[in-house]
Structure formats: C-alpha cells, structure tokens
Amino acid sequence: MIIFIILIIIGCIYLLLIKPTSRRYVLIDTFLKTKYYTHRGLYDNKQYIENTLPSFQRAIDHNYGIEMDVQLTKDKVPVVYHDFNLKRLTNIDKEVGDYTLEELRQIKLLNSNEMIPTFEEFLDLVNGQVPIIIEYKVKNSDCELEVCRIVQKMLDNYSGPYCVESFSPLVVRYYKKHHPHIMRGQLQSNYLKTNDDRHKYWFIYFICQNLLTNFLTKPDFIASDVRFICVSYNICHKLFKGLGVAWTVNNRKDITKKYDIYIFENIII
C-alpha cells in the first residue's frame, strides 16, 4: 500500500513537471492554418541552398511556412545558419561565431554564389507573407542569451506572424519571463543517443529529453524529433492537449494525426 501511494505521488510530480502551458495562444490558429513548414527553406542544396534567400523565396512561392535558424557572428550580428560549425556547407572547419559579418560575406556555400544571409535580410524578404518559426541556436555554455535580446529587438519591429523555439530550455524560459506574449516552443530529441558528450552530461540530457523543465518554461508547443517516440511528448499532446510539432519529416509516411504541424524537408507536400 505504501509503495502504491509513493508511485502515485511520483506520478503526480512527473505530470506537474512536464505540463506545458494551458493557454490557448492567439497565434496557434494562424500556425495551424499553414500546418506545413519548410526546414531551412525549400532547398535541395543544389539549385537552392538551405537557409538562403532563394530557398526561403521558394518556400514563400509554394505558400509554406518557414522554420529557420539564427545565431550571432563574432561582431554580434544575427545571421541565418543551421550548424555552429561551417564545415558541412563550406568545408571550413571553423564556427560562425569565429567570423565577423564582413568575413562571412566572403564565404560561399556549397561552391555556389550564395552566402549566409543576415536575419534582417530574412525578415525583409518574408515580410509577413508566411508564418515563421525561429530556432535559436544556443550552446549549453551560453547562459547570457545575448542572441535572444538582439534578435527580439529586431522582431519588435516585425509585423508578420512568428514564434520562437530552441533546444535550450534557457531560451524558452527567457521568453516566458521577458516576452510572455510571444508563442514559444521546446525542441526535443533523443539526446542520450545522439550527443557525443552524453556520458558526461547524461543527467541534463535525461531531464531535457523527457521535458522535465516544462514546469519552468511552460512552452506553448513541443517540437519533437519524428524519429523519437517519447512518453512525455505523448502525454503533453494527448492528456494536456498541447500543440504538437514534428521535425524533420522527410517521408510522407511520417505525416500522421499524431502531430498538428509538420516541419519537413526533401519532399514536396
């Protein structure tokens, strides 16, 4: 009997920890109307390079929403680029934050004429035509969240529909505290399988993987890795009726009723 009571208490604590916000955010209906969002623009990394203005324009032309990534240069300019390291698209084994904007402008992507765009250029291009999901690229060691402050100042003058998301609960918590009116999302994945330093930081990854920071961040939506089946996500979505977002869908078979919004790539939906 005592063990049963203890299990009930533990279960209640667990549910309180993972419970997302219960508010029905006004922009949720706007994002649900679009439903499909291109991952880094509608790209093929041949004619259209990921996270570049042509790939974003192509997404707009198809009337898709856009999910993209933002981080800071060495001179604190927000730019649109997915990886911290430049090597995958440039064959340069250095990080975005090692370069000033002027220096980055000299680097071409995948032997094309395309360069890394600034976040300002991205906003000017979209100009409210489609809703956007902005992912903050933040390292675990970045506790000051300078990128959030700089980018949000720019977003304050943007009139189109947008929301923010991050793998870092610190970012989601920052928006809950400083900009509670902005729709915010918690990105989730199987950290204990995919991170190289998982043996060192296993406890932190376990907490994040199972959404045990939701009581602090109260996300408006959970963006879950479509390859990862997570009990906490299912509870947030089914029991608490939270908005569910799938990333990154690259197979039509992954489009199911399990999610409300789909971030996709390598297919045309």
C-alpha atoms as a PDB file:
ATOM      1  CA  MET A   1       0.000   0.000   0.000  1.00  0.00           C
ATOM      2  CA  ILE A   2       2.805   2.409   0.873  1.00  0.00           C
ATOM      3  CA  ILE A   3       4.613   1.597  -2.373  1.00  0.00           C
ATOM      4  CA  PHE A   4       1.395   2.262  -4.308  1.00  0.00           C
ATOM      5  CA  ILE A   5       0.979   5.664  -2.647  1.00  0.00           C
ATOM      6  CA  ILE A   6       4.623   6.537  -3.350  1.00  0.00           C
ATOM      7  CA  LEU A   7       4.176   5.624  -7.022  1.00  0.00           C
ATOM      8  CA  ILE A   8       1.074   7.820  -7.224  1.00  0.00           C
ATOM      9  CA  ILE A   9       2.983  10.736  -5.680  1.00  0.00           C
ATOM     10  CA  ILE A  10       5.895  10.248  -8.085  1.00  0.00           C
ATOM     11  CA  GLY A  11       3.449  10.095 -10.998  1.00  0.00           C
ATOM     12  CA  CYS A  12       1.759  13.322  -9.928  1.00  0.00           C
ATOM     13  CA  ILE A  13       5.109  15.088  -9.566  1.00  0.00           C
ATOM     14  CA  TYR A  14       6.128  13.857 -13.028  1.00  0.00           C
ATOM     15  CA  LEU A  15       2.923  15.217 -14.586  1.00  0.00           C
ATOM     16  CA  LEU A  16       3.431  18.581 -12.886  1.00  0.00           C
ATOM     17  CA  LEU A  17       7.000  18.753 -14.183  1.00  0.00           C
ATOM     18  CA  ILE A  18       6.131  18.089 -17.831  1.00  0.00           C
ATOM     19  CA  LYS A  19       2.875  20.055 -18.029  1.00  0.00           C
ATOM     20  CA  PRO A  20       3.141  22.729 -20.738  1.00  0.00           C
ATOM     21  CA  THR A  21       1.195  25.969 -20.743  1.00  0.00           C
ATOM     22  CA  SER A  22      -2.563  25.688 -20.726  1.00  0.00           C
ATOM     23  CA  ARG A  23      -3.165  28.978 -22.528  1.00  0.00           C
ATOM     24  CA  ARG A  24      -4.730  28.923 -25.972  1.00  0.00           C
ATOM     25  CA  TYR A  25      -2.342  31.297 -27.652  1.00  0.00           C
ATOM     26  CA  VAL A  26      -3.984  33.541 -30.218  1.00  0.00           C
ATOM     27  CA  LEU A  27      -1.399  32.748 -32.908  1.00  0.00           C
ATOM     28  CA  ILE A  28      -1.868  28.985 -32.649  1.00  0.00           C
ATOM     29  CA  ASP A  29      -4.799  29.143 -35.067  1.00  0.00           C
ATOM     30  CA  THR A  30      -2.659  31.094 -37.545  1.00  0.00           C
ATOM     31  CA  PHE A  31       0.075  28.470 -37.419  1.00  0.00           C
ATOM     32  CA  LEU A  32      -2.399  25.588 -37.675  1.00  0.00           C
ATOM     33  CA  LYS A  33      -3.859  27.076 -40.856  1.00  0.00           C
ATOM     34  CA  THR A  34      -0.456  26.794 -42.505  1.00  0.00           C
ATOM     35  CA  LYS A  35       0.427  23.401 -40.940  1.00  0.00           C
ATOM     36  CA  TYR A  36       3.436  22.654 -43.187  1.00  0.00           C
ATOM     37  CA  TYR A  37       6.760  24.414 -42.614  1.00  0.00           C
ATOM     38  CA  THR A  38       9.912  24.036 -44.671  1.00  0.00           C
ATOM     39  CA  HIS A  39      13.032  23.126 -42.700  1.00  0.00           C
ATOM     40  CA  ARG A  40      15.679  25.781 -43.528  1.00  0.00           C
ATOM     41  CA  GLY A  41      13.634  26.857 -46.534  1.00  0.00           C
ATOM     42  CA  LEU A  42      12.534  24.776 -49.516  1.00  0.00           C
ATOM     43  CA  TYR A  43      16.003  23.612 -50.519  1.00  0.00           C
ATOM     44  CA  ASP A  44      17.775  20.836 -52.397  1.00  0.00           C
ATOM     45  CA  ASN A  45      21.363  22.031 -51.725  1.00  0.00           C
ATOM     46  CA  LYS A  46      21.948  22.146 -55.475  1.00  0.00           C
ATOM     47  CA  GLN A  47      19.967  24.908 -57.113  1.00  0.00           C
ATOM     48  CA  TYR A  48      18.544  26.051 -53.774  1.00  0.00           C
ATOM     49  CA  ILE A  49      20.894  26.087 -50.784  1.00  0.00           C
ATOM     50  CA  GLU A  50      19.459  25.650 -47.295  1.00  0.00           C
ATOM     51  CA  ASN A  51      18.856  28.762 -45.181  1.00  0.00           C
ATOM     52  CA  THR A  52      19.461  31.130 -48.093  1.00  0.00           C
ATOM     53  CA  LEU A  53      17.174  33.791 -49.517  1.00  0.00           C
ATOM     54  CA  PRO A  54      16.357  31.810 -52.707  1.00  0.00           C
ATOM     55  CA  SER A  55      15.313  28.769 -50.656  1.00  0.00           C
ATOM     56  CA  PHE A  56      13.108  30.980 -48.491  1.00  0.00           C
ATOM     57  CA  GLN A  57      11.600  32.664 -51.550  1.00  0.00           C
ATOM     58  CA  ARG A  58      10.831  29.245 -52.993  1.00  0.00           C
ATOM     59  CA  ALA A  59       9.010  28.304 -49.767  1.00  0.00           C
ATOM     60  CA  ILE A  60       7.003  31.527 -49.938  1.00  0.00           C
ATOM     61  CA  ASP A  61       6.112  30.831 -53.581  1.00  0.00           C
ATOM     62  CA  HIS A  62       4.694  27.461 -52.502  1.00  0.00           C
ATOM     63  CA  ASN A  63       2.847  29.139 -49.607  1.00  0.00           C
ATOM     64  CA  TYR A  64       4.666  27.074 -46.972  1.00  0.00           C
ATOM     65  CA  GLY A  65       5.606  28.370 -43.567  1.00  0.00           C
ATOM     66  CA  ILE A  66       9.316  28.621 -42.822  1.00  0.00           C
ATOM     67  CA  GLU A  67      11.425  27.201 -39.998  1.00  0.00           C
ATOM     68  CA  MET A  68      14.907  28.670 -39.861  1.00  0.00           C
ATOM     69  CA  ASP A  69      17.916  29.118 -37.566  1.00  0.00           C
ATOM     70  CA  VAL A  70      19.563  32.193 -36.122  1.00  0.00           C
ATOM     71  CA  GLN A  71      22.872  32.723 -34.316  1.00  0.00           C
ATOM     72  CA  LEU A  72      25.401  35.526 -33.825  1.00  0.00           C
ATOM     73  CA  THR A  73      28.578  36.396 -35.661  1.00  0.00           C
ATOM     74  CA  LYS A  74      31.731  37.490 -33.854  1.00  0.00           C
ATOM     75  CA  ASP A  75      30.580  41.111 -34.115  1.00  0.00           C
ATOM     76  CA  LYS A  76      27.107  40.234 -32.763  1.00  0.00           C
ATOM     77  CA  VAL A  77      25.122  40.334 -35.982  1.00  0.00           C
ATOM     78  CA  PRO A  78      22.276  37.764 -36.209  1.00  0.00           C
ATOM     79  CA  VAL A  79      22.724  35.516 -39.235  1.00  0.00           C
ATOM     80  CA  VAL A  80      20.759  32.582 -40.605  1.00  0.00           C
ATOM     81  CA  TYR A  81      22.734  29.339 -40.454  1.00  0.00           C
ATOM     82  CA  HIS A  82      21.939  25.903 -39.044  1.00  0.00           C
ATOM     83  CA  ASP A  83      25.213  24.445 -37.734  1.00  0.00           C
ATOM     84  CA  PHE A  84      27.597  26.110 -35.312  1.00  0.00           C
ATOM     85  CA  ASN A  85      30.422  24.788 -37.488  1.00  0.00           C
ATOM     86  CA  LEU A  86      30.775  25.929 -41.102  1.00  0.00           C
ATOM     87  CA  LYS A  87      32.373  22.753 -42.427  1.00  0.00           C
ATOM     88  CA  ARG A  88      29.327  20.941 -43.831  1.00  0.00           C
ATOM     89  CA  LEU A  89      28.451  23.703 -46.318  1.00  0.00           C
ATOM     90  CA  THR A  90      31.801  25.440 -46.776  1.00  0.00           C
ATOM     91  CA  ASN A  91      34.497  22.850 -45.955  1.00  0.00           C
ATOM     92  CA  ILE A  92      35.922  25.357 -43.449  1.00  0.00           C
ATOM     93  CA  ASP A  93      36.362  23.805 -40.026  1.00  0.00           C
ATOM     94  CA  LYS A  94      35.549  26.913 -38.000  1.00  0.00           C
ATOM     95  CA  GLU A  95      32.437  28.242 -36.317  1.00  0.00           C
ATOM     96  CA  VAL A  96      30.089  31.017 -37.364  1.00  0.00           C
ATOM     97  CA  GLY A  97      30.982  32.892 -34.183  1.00  0.00           C
ATOM     98  CA  ASP A  98      34.646  32.953 -35.191  1.00  0.00           C
ATOM     99  CA  TYR A  99      33.912  35.381 -38.043  1.00  0.00           C
ATOM    100  CA  THR A 100      32.598  38.908 -38.355  1.00  0.00           C
ATOM    101  CA  LEU A 101      29.745  39.505 -40.784  1.00  0.00           C
ATOM    102  CA  GLU A 102      32.120  41.079 -43.286  1.00  0.00           C
ATOM    103  CA  GLU A 103      34.343  37.993 -43.157  1.00  0.00           C
ATOM    104  CA  LEU A 104      31.381  35.639 -43.557  1.00  0.00           C
ATOM    105  CA  ARG A 105      30.308  37.564 -46.639  1.00  0.00           C
ATOM    106  CA  GLN A 106      33.451  36.301 -48.356  1.00  0.00           C
ATOM    107  CA  ILE A 107      32.466  32.658 -47.843  1.00  0.00           C
ATOM    108  CA  LYS A 108      30.312  30.910 -50.440  1.00  0.00           C
ATOM    109  CA  LEU A 109      28.024  27.979 -49.672  1.00  0.00           C
ATOM    110  CA  LEU A 110      28.488  24.629 -51.459  1.00  0.00           C
ATOM    111  CA  ASN A 111      30.526  26.196 -54.273  1.00  0.00           C
ATOM    112  CA  SER A 112      27.563  28.369 -55.260  1.00  0.00           C
ATOM    113  CA  ASN A 113      27.242  32.134 -55.381  1.00  0.00           C
ATOM    114  CA  GLU A 114      25.118  32.090 -52.244  1.00  0.00           C
ATOM    115  CA  MET A 115      26.293  33.451 -48.904  1.00  0.00           C
ATOM    116  CA  ILE A 116      24.954  33.339 -45.363  1.00  0.00           C
ATOM    117  CA  PRO A 117      22.096  35.866 -45.073  1.00  0.00           C
ATOM    118  CA  THR A 118      21.540  38.128 -42.118  1.00  0.00           C
ATOM    119  CA  PHE A 119      18.416  37.754 -40.043  1.00  0.00           C
ATOM    120  CA  GLU A 120      17.397  41.261 -41.102  1.00  0.00           C
ATOM    121  CA  GLU A 121      17.576  40.245 -44.770  1.00  0.00           C
ATOM    122  CA  PHE A 122      15.435  37.219 -43.994  1.00  0.00           C
ATOM    123  CA  LEU A 123      12.747  39.319 -42.293  1.00  0.00           C
ATOM    124  CA  ASP A 124      12.758  41.830 -45.141  1.00  0.00           C
ATOM    125  CA  LEU A 125      12.223  39.012 -47.642  1.00  0.00           C
ATOM    126  CA  VAL A 126       9.389  37.259 -45.798  1.00  0.00           C
ATOM    127  CA  ASN A 127       7.678  40.482 -44.717  1.00  0.00           C
ATOM    128  CA  GLY A 128       4.703  38.698 -43.183  1.00  0.00           C
ATOM    129  CA  GLN A 129       3.842  36.660 -46.290  1.00  0.00           C
ATOM    130  CA  VAL A 130       4.005  33.348 -44.391  1.00  0.00           C
ATOM    131  CA  PRO A 131       4.364  32.477 -40.692  1.00  0.00           C
ATOM    132  CA  ILE A 132       7.883  31.722 -39.468  1.00  0.00           C
ATOM    133  CA  ILE A 133       9.350  29.538 -36.727  1.00  0.00           C
ATOM    134  CA  ILE A 134      12.632  30.943 -35.455  1.00  0.00           C
ATOM    135  CA  GLU A 135      15.030  28.474 -33.870  1.00  0.00           C
ATOM    136  CA  TYR A 136      17.653  29.981 -31.601  1.00  0.00           C
ATOM    137  CA  LYS A 137      20.997  28.212 -31.909  1.00  0.00           C
ATOM    138  CA  VAL A 138      22.395  28.419 -28.393  1.00  0.00           C
ATOM    139  CA  LYS A 139      25.230  26.429 -26.879  1.00  0.00           C
ATOM    140  CA  ASN A 140      24.875  24.905 -23.433  1.00  0.00           C
ATOM    141  CA  SER A 141      27.556  27.272 -22.140  1.00  0.00           C
ATOM    142  CA  ASP A 142      25.723  30.387 -23.364  1.00  0.00           C
ATOM    143  CA  CYS A 143      23.805  31.434 -20.253  1.00  0.00           C
ATOM    144  CA  GLU A 144      23.607  35.135 -21.142  1.00  0.00           C
ATOM    145  CA  LEU A 145      21.384  34.512 -24.176  1.00  0.00           C
ATOM    146  CA  GLU A 146      22.627  37.609 -25.936  1.00  0.00           C
ATOM    147  CA  VAL A 147      21.255  36.345 -29.232  1.00  0.00           C
ATOM    148  CA  CYS A 148      17.714  36.442 -27.802  1.00  0.00           C
ATOM    149  CA  ARG A 149      17.991  40.059 -26.773  1.00  0.00           C
ATOM    150  CA  ILE A 150      19.474  41.194 -30.079  1.00  0.00           C
ATOM    151  CA  VAL A 151      17.071  39.246 -32.283  1.00  0.00           C
ATOM    152  CA  GLN A 152      13.990  40.213 -30.283  1.00  0.00           C
ATOM    153  CA  LYS A 153      14.751  43.907 -30.756  1.00  0.00           C
ATOM    154  CA  MET A 154      14.507  43.271 -34.485  1.00  0.00           C
ATOM    155  CA  LEU A 155      11.340  41.212 -34.099  1.00  0.00           C
ATOM    156  CA  ASP A 156       9.697  44.031 -32.150  1.00  0.00           C
ATOM    157  CA  ASN A 157       9.535  45.921 -35.444  1.00  0.00           C
ATOM    158  CA  TYR A 158       8.320  42.942 -37.462  1.00  0.00           C
ATOM    159  CA  SER A 159       4.598  42.762 -38.160  1.00  0.00           C
ATOM    160  CA  GLY A 160       4.296  39.229 -39.572  1.00  0.00           C
ATOM    161  CA  PRO A 161       3.300  36.095 -37.598  1.00  0.00           C
ATOM    162  CA  TYR A 162       6.193  34.335 -35.891  1.00  0.00           C
ATOM    163  CA  CYS A 163       7.056  32.149 -32.941  1.00  0.00           C
ATOM    164  CA  VAL A 164      10.334  31.049 -31.359  1.00  0.00           C
ATOM    165  CA  GLU A 165      11.784  27.694 -30.348  1.00  0.00           C
ATOM    166  CA  SER A 166      15.021  26.205 -29.071  1.00  0.00           C
ATOM    167  CA  PHE A 167      16.567  23.016 -27.782  1.00  0.00           C
ATOM    168  CA  SER A 168      17.760  25.092 -24.846  1.00  0.00           C
ATOM    169  CA  PRO A 169      15.201  25.390 -22.011  1.00  0.00           C
ATOM    170  CA  LEU A 170      17.071  28.564 -21.062  1.00  0.00           C
ATOM    171  CA  VAL A 171      15.792  30.248 -24.233  1.00  0.00           C
ATOM    172  CA  VAL A 172      12.222  29.107 -23.646  1.00  0.00           C
ATOM    173  CA  ARG A 173      12.447  30.275 -20.038  1.00  0.00           C
ATOM    174  CA  TYR A 174      13.848  33.622 -21.200  1.00  0.00           C
ATOM    175  CA  TYR A 175      10.790  34.183 -23.394  1.00  0.00           C
ATOM    176  CA  LYS A 176       8.413  33.123 -20.660  1.00  0.00           C
ATOM    177  CA  LYS A 177       9.994  35.664 -18.324  1.00  0.00           C
ATOM    178  CA  HIS A 178      10.714  38.603 -20.620  1.00  0.00           C
ATOM    179  CA  HIS A 179       8.299  38.179 -23.559  1.00  0.00           C
ATOM    180  CA  PRO A 180       5.393  36.057 -22.328  1.00  0.00           C
ATOM    181  CA  HIS A 181       3.144  37.314 -25.137  1.00  0.00           C
ATOM    182  CA  ILE A 182       5.291  35.574 -27.767  1.00  0.00           C
ATOM    183  CA  MET A 183       4.482  31.989 -28.679  1.00  0.00           C
ATOM    184  CA  ARG A 184       7.379  29.737 -27.602  1.00  0.00           C
ATOM    185  CA  GLY A 185       8.285  26.107 -28.223  1.00  0.00           C
ATOM    186  CA  GLN A 186      10.565  23.485 -26.730  1.00  0.00           C
ATOM    187  CA  LEU A 187      12.549  21.380 -29.202  1.00  0.00           C
ATOM    188  CA  GLN A 188      13.097  17.786 -28.143  1.00  0.00           C
ATOM    189  CA  SER A 189      15.179  14.851 -29.312  1.00  0.00           C
ATOM    190  CA  ASN A 190      16.821  11.651 -28.115  1.00  0.00           C
ATOM    191  CA  TYR A 191      19.811  13.424 -26.554  1.00  0.00           C
ATOM    192  CA  LEU A 192      21.021  10.295 -24.754  1.00  0.00           C
ATOM    193  CA  LYS A 193      21.568   8.632 -28.119  1.00  0.00           C
ATOM    194  CA  THR A 194      22.665  11.445 -30.419  1.00  0.00           C
ATOM    195  CA  ASN A 195      25.008  13.637 -28.338  1.00  0.00           C
ATOM    196  CA  ASP A 196      28.691  12.752 -28.247  1.00  0.00           C
ATOM    197  CA  ASP A 197      29.075  14.057 -24.694  1.00  0.00           C
ATOM    198  CA  ARG A 198      26.031  12.188 -23.388  1.00  0.00           C
ATOM    199  CA  HIS A 199      28.107  10.187 -20.899  1.00  0.00           C
ATOM    200  CA  LYS A 200      29.357  13.382 -19.289  1.00  0.00           C
ATOM    201  CA  TYR A 201      26.069  15.257 -19.234  1.00  0.00           C
ATOM    202  CA  TRP A 202      23.646  12.328 -19.130  1.00  0.00           C
ATOM    203  CA  PHE A 203      21.586  13.751 -16.263  1.00  0.00           C
ATOM    204  CA  ILE A 204      20.988  17.069 -18.033  1.00  0.00           C
ATOM    205  CA  TYR A 205      20.153  15.288 -21.274  1.00  0.00           C
ATOM    206  CA  PHE A 206      17.778  12.947 -19.459  1.00  0.00           C
ATOM    207  CA  ILE A 207      15.912  15.921 -17.996  1.00  0.00           C
ATOM    208  CA  CYS A 208      15.670  17.738 -21.335  1.00  0.00           C
ATOM    209  CA  GLN A 209      14.828  14.622 -23.312  1.00  0.00           C
ATOM    210  CA  ASN A 210      11.873  13.893 -21.057  1.00  0.00           C
ATOM    211  CA  LEU A 211      10.634  17.506 -20.909  1.00  0.00           C
ATOM    212  CA  LEU A 212      11.166  17.758 -17.171  1.00  0.00           C
ATOM    213  CA  THR A 213      11.859  21.503 -17.447  1.00  0.00           C
ATOM    214  CA  ASN A 214       8.373  22.335 -18.726  1.00  0.00           C
ATOM    215  CA  PHE A 215       7.248  23.481 -15.279  1.00  0.00           C
ATOM    216  CA  LEU A 216       9.815  26.278 -15.534  1.00  0.00           C
ATOM    217  CA  THR A 217       9.421  27.160 -19.206  1.00  0.00           C
ATOM    218  CA  LYS A 218       5.719  26.445 -19.884  1.00  0.00           C
ATOM    219  CA  PRO A 219       6.129  26.043 -23.660  1.00  0.00           C
ATOM    220  CA  ASP A 220       3.185  26.693 -25.960  1.00  0.00           C
ATOM    221  CA  PHE A 221       4.230  23.762 -28.129  1.00  0.00           C
ATOM    222  CA  ILE A 222       6.620  20.819 -28.170  1.00  0.00           C
ATOM    223  CA  ALA A 223       8.614  20.268 -31.368  1.00  0.00           C
ATOM    224  CA  SER A 224       9.588  16.607 -31.256  1.00  0.00           C
ATOM    225  CA  ASP A 225      12.009  14.578 -33.369  1.00  0.00           C
ATOM    226  CA  VAL A 226       9.734  12.485 -35.595  1.00  0.00           C
ATOM    227  CA  ARG A 227      12.160   9.539 -35.234  1.00  0.00           C
ATOM    228  CA  PHE A 228      11.883   9.554 -31.437  1.00  0.00           C
ATOM    229  CA  ILE A 229       8.927   8.083 -29.564  1.00  0.00           C
ATOM    230  CA  CYS A 230       8.697   9.906 -26.238  1.00  0.00           C
ATOM    231  CA  VAL A 231       6.187   9.217 -23.457  1.00  0.00           C
ATOM    232  CA  SER A 232       6.438  12.795 -22.165  1.00  0.00           C
ATOM    233  CA  TYR A 233       5.580  14.224 -25.580  1.00  0.00           C
ATOM    234  CA  ASN A 234       2.587  11.917 -25.933  1.00  0.00           C
ATOM    235  CA  ILE A 235       1.296  12.958 -22.522  1.00  0.00           C
ATOM    236  CA  CYS A 236       1.736  16.667 -23.328  1.00  0.00           C
ATOM    237  CA  HIS A 237      -0.075  16.220 -26.615  1.00  0.00           C
ATOM    238  CA  LYS A 238      -2.890  13.867 -25.614  1.00  0.00           C
ATOM    239  CA  LEU A 239      -3.522  14.498 -21.925  1.00  0.00           C
ATOM    240  CA  PHE A 240      -2.704  18.201 -21.745  1.00  0.00           C
ATOM    241  CA  LYS A 241      -3.866  18.909 -25.329  1.00  0.00           C
ATOM    242  CA  GLY A 242      -0.636  20.722 -26.158  1.00  0.00           C
ATOM    243  CA  LEU A 243       0.262  21.741 -29.687  1.00  0.00           C
ATOM    244  CA  GLY A 244       2.490  19.071 -31.272  1.00  0.00           C
ATOM    245  CA  VAL A 245       5.100  19.834 -33.926  1.00  0.00           C
ATOM    246  CA  ALA A 246       7.072  17.186 -35.841  1.00  0.00           C
ATOM    247  CA  TRP A 247      10.616  17.682 -37.096  1.00  0.00           C
ATOM    248  CA  THR A 248      12.068  16.855 -39.513  1.00  0.00           C
ATOM    249  CA  VAL A 249       9.674  14.978 -41.781  1.00  0.00           C
ATOM    250  CA  ASN A 250      11.295  13.672 -44.974  1.00  0.00           C
ATOM    251  CA  ASN A 251       8.888  10.823 -45.647  1.00  0.00           C
ATOM    252  CA  ARG A 252       5.172  11.102 -46.356  1.00  0.00           C
ATOM    253  CA  LYS A 253       4.567   8.139 -44.033  1.00  0.00           C
ATOM    254  CA  ASP A 254       5.507  10.402 -41.102  1.00  0.00           C
ATOM    255  CA  ILE A 255       2.532  12.671 -41.737  1.00  0.00           C
ATOM    256  CA  THR A 256       0.028  11.325 -39.236  1.00  0.00           C
ATOM    257  CA  LYS A 257      -2.613  12.598 -36.833  1.00  0.00           C
ATOM    258  CA  LYS A 258      -0.010  12.376 -34.081  1.00  0.00           C
ATOM    259  CA  TYR A 259       1.153  15.931 -34.830  1.00  0.00           C
ATOM    260  CA  ASP A 260      -0.557  19.240 -35.537  1.00  0.00           C
ATOM    261  CA  ILE A 261       2.252  20.910 -37.519  1.00  0.00           C
ATOM    262  CA  TYR A 262       4.981  19.400 -39.687  1.00  0.00           C
ATOM    263  CA  ILE A 263       8.462  20.774 -40.368  1.00  0.00           C
ATOM    264  CA  PHE A 264       9.664  18.968 -43.481  1.00  0.00           C
ATOM    265  CA  GLU A 265      12.499  18.717 -45.992  1.00  0.00           C
ATOM    266  CA  ASN A 266      13.469  16.764 -49.128  1.00  0.00           C
ATOM    267  CA  ILE A 267       9.833  16.291 -50.169  1.00  0.00           C
ATOM    268  CA  ILE A 268       7.063  18.437 -51.626  1.00  0.00           C
ATOM    269  CA  ILE A 269       3.825  18.097 -49.676  1.00  0.00           C
END
